[in-house]
């Protein structure tokens, strides 16, 4: 992707919050937060990041693309695992600095790279520090 954005330029607060133009706000690193949920159950699957190219590819292909901060590269979710995320709906929040993907997951239906359906399989108990993580009862998916 070249240096020009395929998205609308950022306008006034009112244009961004109430207008029809999609003008995503990328952070100083060129990334936007992407929240991904299961389109059928509403379960929170993962939170990741997208750069402009990942967001554009997601829109164009209907499959989720992300930016891997640890690998510093574009990442087509499911390329190696088979857990392709087919986007059923894509939303943005009021100030357009976060996107929400509602997806159907292919393969074994998982999402998390350590083997769970969702990345949020541990709970942090409230009330005292330091907190010890608790499993939420989520079972690991069968080994691939």
C-alpha atoms as a PDB file:
ATOM      1  CA  UNK A   1       0.000   0.000   0.000  1.00  0.00           C
ATOM      2  CA  UNK A   2       1.366   3.404  -0.875  1.00  0.00           C
ATOM      3  CA  UNK A   3       1.595   6.399   1.439  1.00  0.00           C
ATOM      4  CA  UNK A   4      -1.843   7.684   0.427  1.00  0.00           C
ATOM      5  CA  UNK A   5      -4.772   6.537   2.526  1.00  0.00           C
ATOM      6  CA  UNK A   6      -7.828   5.022   0.850  1.00  0.00           C
ATOM      7  CA  UNK A   7      -9.952   6.487   3.646  1.00  0.00           C
ATOM      8  CA  UNK A   8     -11.599   9.883   3.980  1.00  0.00           C
ATOM      9  CA  UNK A   9      -9.527  12.639   5.606  1.00  0.00           C
ATOM     10  CA  UNK A  10     -10.312  13.467   9.213  1.00  0.00           C
ATOM     11  CA  UNK A  11     -12.756  16.343   9.434  1.00  0.00           C
ATOM     12  CA  UNK A  12     -14.272  18.304  12.263  1.00  0.00           C
ATOM     13  CA  UNK A  13     -15.418  16.512  15.401  1.00  0.00           C
ATOM     14  CA  UNK A  14     -19.017  16.752  14.206  1.00  0.00           C
ATOM     15  CA  UNK A  15     -18.146  15.350  10.760  1.00  0.00           C
ATOM     16  CA  UNK A  16     -16.263  12.450  12.375  1.00  0.00           C
ATOM     17  CA  UNK A  17     -18.904  11.727  15.014  1.00  0.00           C
ATOM     18  CA  UNK A  18     -22.064  12.277  12.975  1.00  0.00           C
ATOM     19  CA  UNK A  19     -21.027  12.166   9.317  1.00  0.00           C
ATOM     20  CA  UNK A  20     -21.157   9.335   6.798  1.00  0.00           C
ATOM     21  CA  UNK A  21     -17.484   9.391   5.777  1.00  0.00           C
ATOM     22  CA  UNK A  22     -15.273   6.598   7.098  1.00  0.00           C
ATOM     23  CA  UNK A  23     -12.220   8.489   8.403  1.00  0.00           C
ATOM     24  CA  UNK A  24     -10.433   6.129  10.806  1.00  0.00           C
ATOM     25  CA  UNK A  25      -8.022   7.651  13.305  1.00  0.00           C
ATOM     26  CA  UNK A  26      -4.752   5.745  13.397  1.00  0.00           C
ATOM     27  CA  UNK A  27      -2.409   6.302  16.343  1.00  0.00           C
ATOM     28  CA  UNK A  28       1.160   7.656  16.177  1.00  0.00           C
ATOM     29  CA  UNK A  29       2.340   4.190  15.076  1.00  0.00           C
ATOM     30  CA  UNK A  30      -0.220   4.087  12.265  1.00  0.00           C
ATOM     31  CA  UNK A  31      -2.466   1.587  14.065  1.00  0.00           C
ATOM     32  CA  UNK A  32      -6.104   1.382  15.063  1.00  0.00           C
ATOM     33  CA  UNK A  33      -7.560  -0.933  17.728  1.00  0.00           C
ATOM     34  CA  UNK A  34      -9.655  -3.799  16.341  1.00  0.00           C
ATOM     35  CA  UNK A  35     -12.105  -5.561  18.642  1.00  0.00           C
ATOM     36  CA  UNK A  36     -13.284  -8.906  17.264  1.00  0.00           C
ATOM     37  CA  UNK A  37     -16.384 -10.798  18.405  1.00  0.00           C
ATOM     38  CA  UNK A  38     -18.173 -13.937  17.268  1.00  0.00           C
ATOM     39  CA  UNK A  39     -20.976 -12.853  14.924  1.00  0.00           C
ATOM     40  CA  UNK A  40     -23.290 -15.599  16.170  1.00  0.00           C
ATOM     41  CA  UNK A  41     -22.747 -15.580  19.945  1.00  0.00           C
ATOM     42  CA  UNK A  42     -21.364 -12.096  20.613  1.00  0.00           C
ATOM     43  CA  UNK A  43     -18.415 -13.612  22.511  1.00  0.00           C
ATOM     44  CA  UNK A  44     -15.341 -11.398  22.640  1.00  0.00           C
ATOM     45  CA  UNK A  45     -12.667 -13.293  20.702  1.00  0.00           C
ATOM     46  CA  UNK A  46      -9.701 -10.958  20.547  1.00  0.00           C
ATOM     47  CA  UNK A  47      -8.362  -7.422  20.470  1.00  0.00           C
ATOM     48  CA  UNK A  48      -5.713  -6.687  17.875  1.00  0.00           C
ATOM     49  CA  UNK A  49      -4.414  -3.825  15.753  1.00  0.00           C
ATOM     50  CA  UNK A  50      -4.744  -2.862  12.124  1.00  0.00           C
ATOM     51  CA  UNK A  51      -2.772  -0.482   9.989  1.00  0.00           C
ATOM     52  CA  UNK A  52      -4.405   1.191   6.980  1.00  0.00           C
ATOM     53  CA  UNK A  53      -3.462  -1.697   4.693  1.00  0.00           C
ATOM     54  CA  UNK A  54      -4.894  -4.344   7.027  1.00  0.00           C
ATOM     55  CA  UNK A  55      -8.122  -2.366   7.385  1.00  0.00           C
ATOM     56  CA  UNK A  56      -8.399  -1.826   3.628  1.00  0.00           C
ATOM     57  CA  UNK A  57      -7.754  -5.532   2.915  1.00  0.00           C
ATOM     58  CA  UNK A  58     -10.345  -6.519   5.500  1.00  0.00           C
ATOM     59  CA  UNK A  59     -12.934  -4.324   3.796  1.00  0.00           C
ATOM     60  CA  UNK A  60     -11.971  -5.466   0.286  1.00  0.00           C
ATOM     61  CA  UNK A  61     -11.744  -9.222   0.989  1.00  0.00           C
ATOM     62  CA  UNK A  62     -14.338  -9.688   3.723  1.00  0.00           C
ATOM     63  CA  UNK A  63     -11.733 -11.568   5.767  1.00  0.00           C
ATOM     64  CA  UNK A  64      -9.885 -10.221   8.814  1.00  0.00           C
ATOM     65  CA  UNK A  65      -6.370  -8.851   8.354  1.00  0.00           C
ATOM     66  CA  UNK A  66      -4.366  -7.422  11.222  1.00  0.00           C
ATOM     67  CA  UNK A  67      -0.981  -5.853  11.898  1.00  0.00           C
ATOM     68  CA  UNK A  68       1.244  -8.020  14.080  1.00  0.00           C
ATOM     69  CA  UNK A  69       3.169  -5.735  16.407  1.00  0.00           C
ATOM     70  CA  UNK A  70       5.408  -8.592  17.581  1.00  0.00           C
ATOM     71  CA  UNK A  71       6.318  -9.715  14.054  1.00  0.00           C
ATOM     72  CA  UNK A  72       6.037  -6.234  12.546  1.00  0.00           C
ATOM     73  CA  UNK A  73       4.103  -7.545   9.550  1.00  0.00           C
ATOM     74  CA  UNK A  74       0.693  -7.805   7.965  1.00  0.00           C
ATOM     75  CA  UNK A  75      -1.223 -10.849   9.208  1.00  0.00           C
ATOM     76  CA  UNK A  76      -4.128 -12.581   7.451  1.00  0.00           C
ATOM     77  CA  UNK A  77      -5.868 -14.300  10.358  1.00  0.00           C
ATOM     78  CA  UNK A  78      -6.093 -18.027   9.682  1.00  0.00           C
ATOM     79  CA  UNK A  79      -3.515 -18.309   6.921  1.00  0.00           C
ATOM     80  CA  UNK A  80      -1.546 -20.920   8.857  1.00  0.00           C
ATOM     81  CA  UNK A  81      -4.149 -22.122  11.398  1.00  0.00           C
ATOM     82  CA  UNK A  82      -7.195 -22.371   9.128  1.00  0.00           C
ATOM     83  CA  UNK A  83      -9.069 -20.092  11.544  1.00  0.00           C
ATOM     84  CA  UNK A  84     -10.049 -17.629   8.798  1.00  0.00           C
ATOM     85  CA  UNK A  85     -12.273 -14.888  10.172  1.00  0.00           C
ATOM     86  CA  UNK A  86     -15.046 -14.060   7.711  1.00  0.00           C
ATOM     87  CA  UNK A  87     -16.299 -10.578   8.527  1.00  0.00           C
ATOM     88  CA  UNK A  88     -20.069 -10.349   8.765  1.00  0.00           C
ATOM     89  CA  UNK A  89     -20.168  -6.755   9.984  1.00  0.00           C
ATOM     90  CA  UNK A  90     -17.621  -4.002  10.524  1.00  0.00           C
ATOM     91  CA  UNK A  91     -18.377  -1.014  12.740  1.00  0.00           C
ATOM     92  CA  UNK A  92     -16.454   1.977  14.022  1.00  0.00           C
ATOM     93  CA  UNK A  93     -16.945   3.879  17.263  1.00  0.00           C
ATOM     94  CA  UNK A  94     -18.043   7.507  17.629  1.00  0.00           C
ATOM     95  CA  UNK A  95     -14.610   9.087  17.122  1.00  0.00           C
ATOM     96  CA  UNK A  96     -13.492   6.413  14.657  1.00  0.00           C
ATOM     97  CA  UNK A  97     -10.386   5.339  16.588  1.00  0.00           C
ATOM     98  CA  UNK A  98     -11.547   1.740  17.091  1.00  0.00           C
ATOM     99  CA  UNK A  99     -13.154  -0.796  14.772  1.00  0.00           C
ATOM    100  CA  UNK A 100     -15.368  -3.716  15.747  1.00  0.00           C
ATOM    101  CA  UNK A 101     -15.395  -6.831  13.608  1.00  0.00           C
ATOM    102  CA  UNK A 102     -18.209  -9.355  13.947  1.00  0.00           C
ATOM    103  CA  UNK A 103     -16.828 -12.551  12.439  1.00  0.00           C
ATOM    104  CA  UNK A 104     -17.490 -16.195  11.749  1.00  0.00           C
ATOM    105  CA  UNK A 105     -14.380 -18.266  12.453  1.00  0.00           C
ATOM    106  CA  UNK A 106     -13.340 -21.103  10.161  1.00  0.00           C
ATOM    107  CA  UNK A 107     -11.238 -24.141  10.899  1.00  0.00           C
ATOM    108  CA  UNK A 108     -11.670 -25.428  14.443  1.00  0.00           C
ATOM    109  CA  UNK A 109     -13.524 -22.234  15.422  1.00  0.00           C
ATOM    110  CA  UNK A 110     -10.668 -21.011  17.562  1.00  0.00           C
ATOM    111  CA  UNK A 111      -9.000 -17.682  17.639  1.00  0.00           C
ATOM    112  CA  UNK A 112      -6.287 -17.694  20.294  1.00  0.00           C
ATOM    113  CA  UNK A 113      -2.757 -18.703  19.321  1.00  0.00           C
ATOM    114  CA  UNK A 114      -2.350 -20.736  22.537  1.00  0.00           C
ATOM    115  CA  UNK A 115      -5.295 -22.974  21.690  1.00  0.00           C
ATOM    116  CA  UNK A 116      -8.470 -21.455  23.115  1.00  0.00           C
ATOM    117  CA  UNK A 117     -11.615 -20.360  21.285  1.00  0.00           C
ATOM    118  CA  UNK A 118     -11.063 -16.797  22.520  1.00  0.00           C
ATOM    119  CA  UNK A 119      -8.044 -14.906  23.846  1.00  0.00           C
ATOM    120  CA  UNK A 120      -9.911 -13.902  27.019  1.00  0.00           C
ATOM    121  CA  UNK A 121      -9.845 -17.240  28.843  1.00  0.00           C
ATOM    122  CA  UNK A 122      -8.556 -15.908  32.207  1.00  0.00           C
ATOM    123  CA  UNK A 123     -10.226 -13.685  34.771  1.00  0.00           C
ATOM    124  CA  UNK A 124      -8.524 -11.171  37.077  1.00  0.00           C
ATOM    125  CA  UNK A 125     -10.283 -11.274  40.468  1.00  0.00           C
ATOM    126  CA  UNK A 126     -11.203  -7.919  41.940  1.00  0.00           C
ATOM    127  CA  UNK A 127     -10.698  -6.739  45.509  1.00  0.00           C
ATOM    128  CA  UNK A 128      -7.030  -7.167  46.296  1.00  0.00           C
ATOM    129  CA  UNK A 129      -3.592  -6.874  44.743  1.00  0.00           C
ATOM    130  CA  UNK A 130      -1.626  -8.672  43.487  1.00  0.00           C
ATOM    131  CA  UNK A 131      -4.291 -10.494  41.556  1.00  0.00           C
ATOM    132  CA  UNK A 132      -3.863 -14.117  40.560  1.00  0.00           C
ATOM    133  CA  UNK A 133      -5.400 -15.088  37.252  1.00  0.00           C
ATOM    134  CA  UNK A 134      -8.252 -17.597  37.277  1.00  0.00           C
ATOM    135  CA  UNK A 135      -9.247 -19.841  34.363  1.00  0.00           C
ATOM    136  CA  UNK A 136     -12.779 -19.072  33.206  1.00  0.00           C
ATOM    137  CA  UNK A 137     -13.609 -22.689  32.503  1.00  0.00           C
ATOM    138  CA  UNK A 138     -12.635 -22.361  28.861  1.00  0.00           C
ATOM    139  CA  UNK A 139     -11.362 -25.601  27.421  1.00  0.00           C
ATOM    140  CA  UNK A 140      -8.466 -25.754  25.031  1.00  0.00           C
ATOM    141  CA  UNK A 141      -9.431 -26.787  21.531  1.00  0.00           C
ATOM    142  CA  UNK A 142      -8.093 -30.107  20.215  1.00  0.00           C
ATOM    143  CA  UNK A 143      -4.467 -29.892  19.044  1.00  0.00           C
ATOM    144  CA  UNK A 144      -4.068 -28.995  15.393  1.00  0.00           C
END
